[in-house]
Amino acid sequence: MNRVIFCSLFFALLTANAALAQTYPAKPVRLIVP
């Protein structure tokens, strides 16, 4: 897989995770768990 595409998808997941966390502050959704 191309590294640029992988970084783009990873960044998109981070933005979606932050957006969901702001939309539902009572239930923080963590798509990426370290």
N, C-alpha and C. Protein backbone atom coordinates (compact mmCIF):
# COMPACT_ATOMS: atom_id res chain seq x y z
N MET A 1 0.85 -1.20 0.00
CA MET A 1 0.00 0.00 0.00
C MET A 1 0.89 1.25 0.00
N ASN A 2 0.45 2.24 -0.73
CA ASN A 2 1.24 3.46 -0.82
C ASN A 2 1.26 4.18 0.52
N ARG A 3 2.42 4.68 0.90
CA ARG A 3 2.56 5.32 2.21
C ARG A 3 1.73 6.59 2.29
N VAL A 4 1.62 7.31 1.18
CA VAL A 4 0.83 8.56 1.18
C VAL A 4 -0.64 8.25 1.43
N ILE A 5 -1.13 7.20 0.79
CA ILE A 5 -2.54 6.82 0.99
C ILE A 5 -2.76 6.36 2.42
N PHE A 6 -1.80 5.62 2.97
CA PHE A 6 -1.93 5.14 4.34
C PHE A 6 -1.98 6.30 5.32
N CYS A 7 -1.10 7.29 5.13
CA CYS A 7 -1.08 8.46 6.00
C CYS A 7 -2.38 9.25 5.86
N SER A 8 -2.91 9.33 4.66
CA SER A 8 -4.16 10.06 4.44
C SER A 8 -5.32 9.37 5.15
N LEU A 9 -5.38 8.05 5.07
CA LEU A 9 -6.44 7.31 5.75
C LEU A 9 -6.29 7.43 7.26
N PHE A 10 -5.05 7.37 7.75
CA PHE A 10 -4.82 7.48 9.19
C PHE A 10 -5.23 8.86 9.69
N PHE A 11 -4.91 9.90 8.92
CA PHE A 11 -5.29 11.26 9.30
C PHE A 11 -6.80 11.42 9.26
N ALA A 12 -7.45 10.79 8.28
CA ALA A 12 -8.91 10.86 8.18
C ALA A 12 -9.56 10.19 9.38
N LEU A 13 -8.99 9.08 9.83
CA LEU A 13 -9.53 8.40 11.01
C LEU A 13 -9.37 9.26 12.25
N LEU A 14 -8.23 9.94 12.36
CA LEU A 14 -8.01 10.81 13.52
C LEU A 14 -9.00 11.96 13.52
N THR A 15 -9.27 12.54 12.36
CA THR A 15 -10.23 13.66 12.29
C THR A 15 -11.63 13.18 12.62
N ALA A 16 -11.99 12.00 12.10
CA ALA A 16 -13.32 11.46 12.38
C ALA A 16 -13.45 11.14 13.86
N ASN A 17 -12.37 10.64 14.46
CA ASN A 17 -12.38 10.32 15.89
C ASN A 17 -12.58 11.59 16.71
N ALA A 18 -11.89 12.67 16.34
CA ALA A 18 -12.03 13.93 17.06
C ALA A 18 -13.43 14.52 16.87
N ALA A 19 -13.97 14.38 15.66
CA ALA A 19 -15.31 14.91 15.38
C ALA A 19 -16.36 14.16 16.19
N LEU A 20 -16.23 12.84 16.27
CA LEU A 20 -17.18 12.04 17.05
C LEU A 20 -17.05 12.37 18.54
N ALA A 21 -15.83 12.61 19.00
CA ALA A 21 -15.61 12.93 20.41
C ALA A 21 -16.25 14.27 20.76
N GLN A 22 -16.23 15.22 19.82
CA GLN A 22 -16.84 16.53 20.08
C GLN A 22 -18.35 16.46 19.93
N THR A 23 -18.83 15.59 19.04
CA THR A 23 -20.27 15.49 18.82
C THR A 23 -20.94 14.79 20.00
N TYR A 24 -20.28 13.76 20.52
CA TYR A 24 -20.84 13.01 21.65
C TYR A 24 -19.87 13.07 22.82
N PRO A 25 -19.91 14.17 23.58
CA PRO A 25 -18.98 14.31 24.71
C PRO A 25 -19.32 13.35 25.84
N ALA A 26 -20.60 12.96 25.96
CA ALA A 26 -21.00 12.05 27.03
C ALA A 26 -20.46 10.64 26.77
N LYS A 27 -20.46 10.26 25.49
CA LYS A 27 -19.94 8.94 25.12
C LYS A 27 -18.79 9.12 24.14
N PRO A 28 -17.58 9.31 24.64
CA PRO A 28 -16.43 9.49 23.75
C PRO A 28 -16.16 8.22 22.96
N VAL A 29 -16.15 8.35 21.64
CA VAL A 29 -15.91 7.19 20.78
C VAL A 29 -14.44 7.18 20.39
N ARG A 30 -13.76 6.10 20.77
CA ARG A 30 -12.34 5.99 20.43
C ARG A 30 -12.17 4.92 19.37
N LEU A 31 -11.99 5.38 18.12
CA LEU A 31 -11.80 4.43 17.03
C LEU A 31 -10.39 3.85 17.05
N ILE A 32 -9.44 4.68 17.51
CA ILE A 32 -8.05 4.23 17.54
C ILE A 32 -7.63 4.06 18.99
N VAL A 33 -7.37 2.83 19.39
CA VAL A 33 -6.96 2.55 20.77
C VAL A 33 -5.48 2.20 20.78
N PRO A 34 -4.69 2.98 21.51
CA PRO A 34 -3.24 2.71 21.56
C PRO A 34 -2.93 1.42 22.33
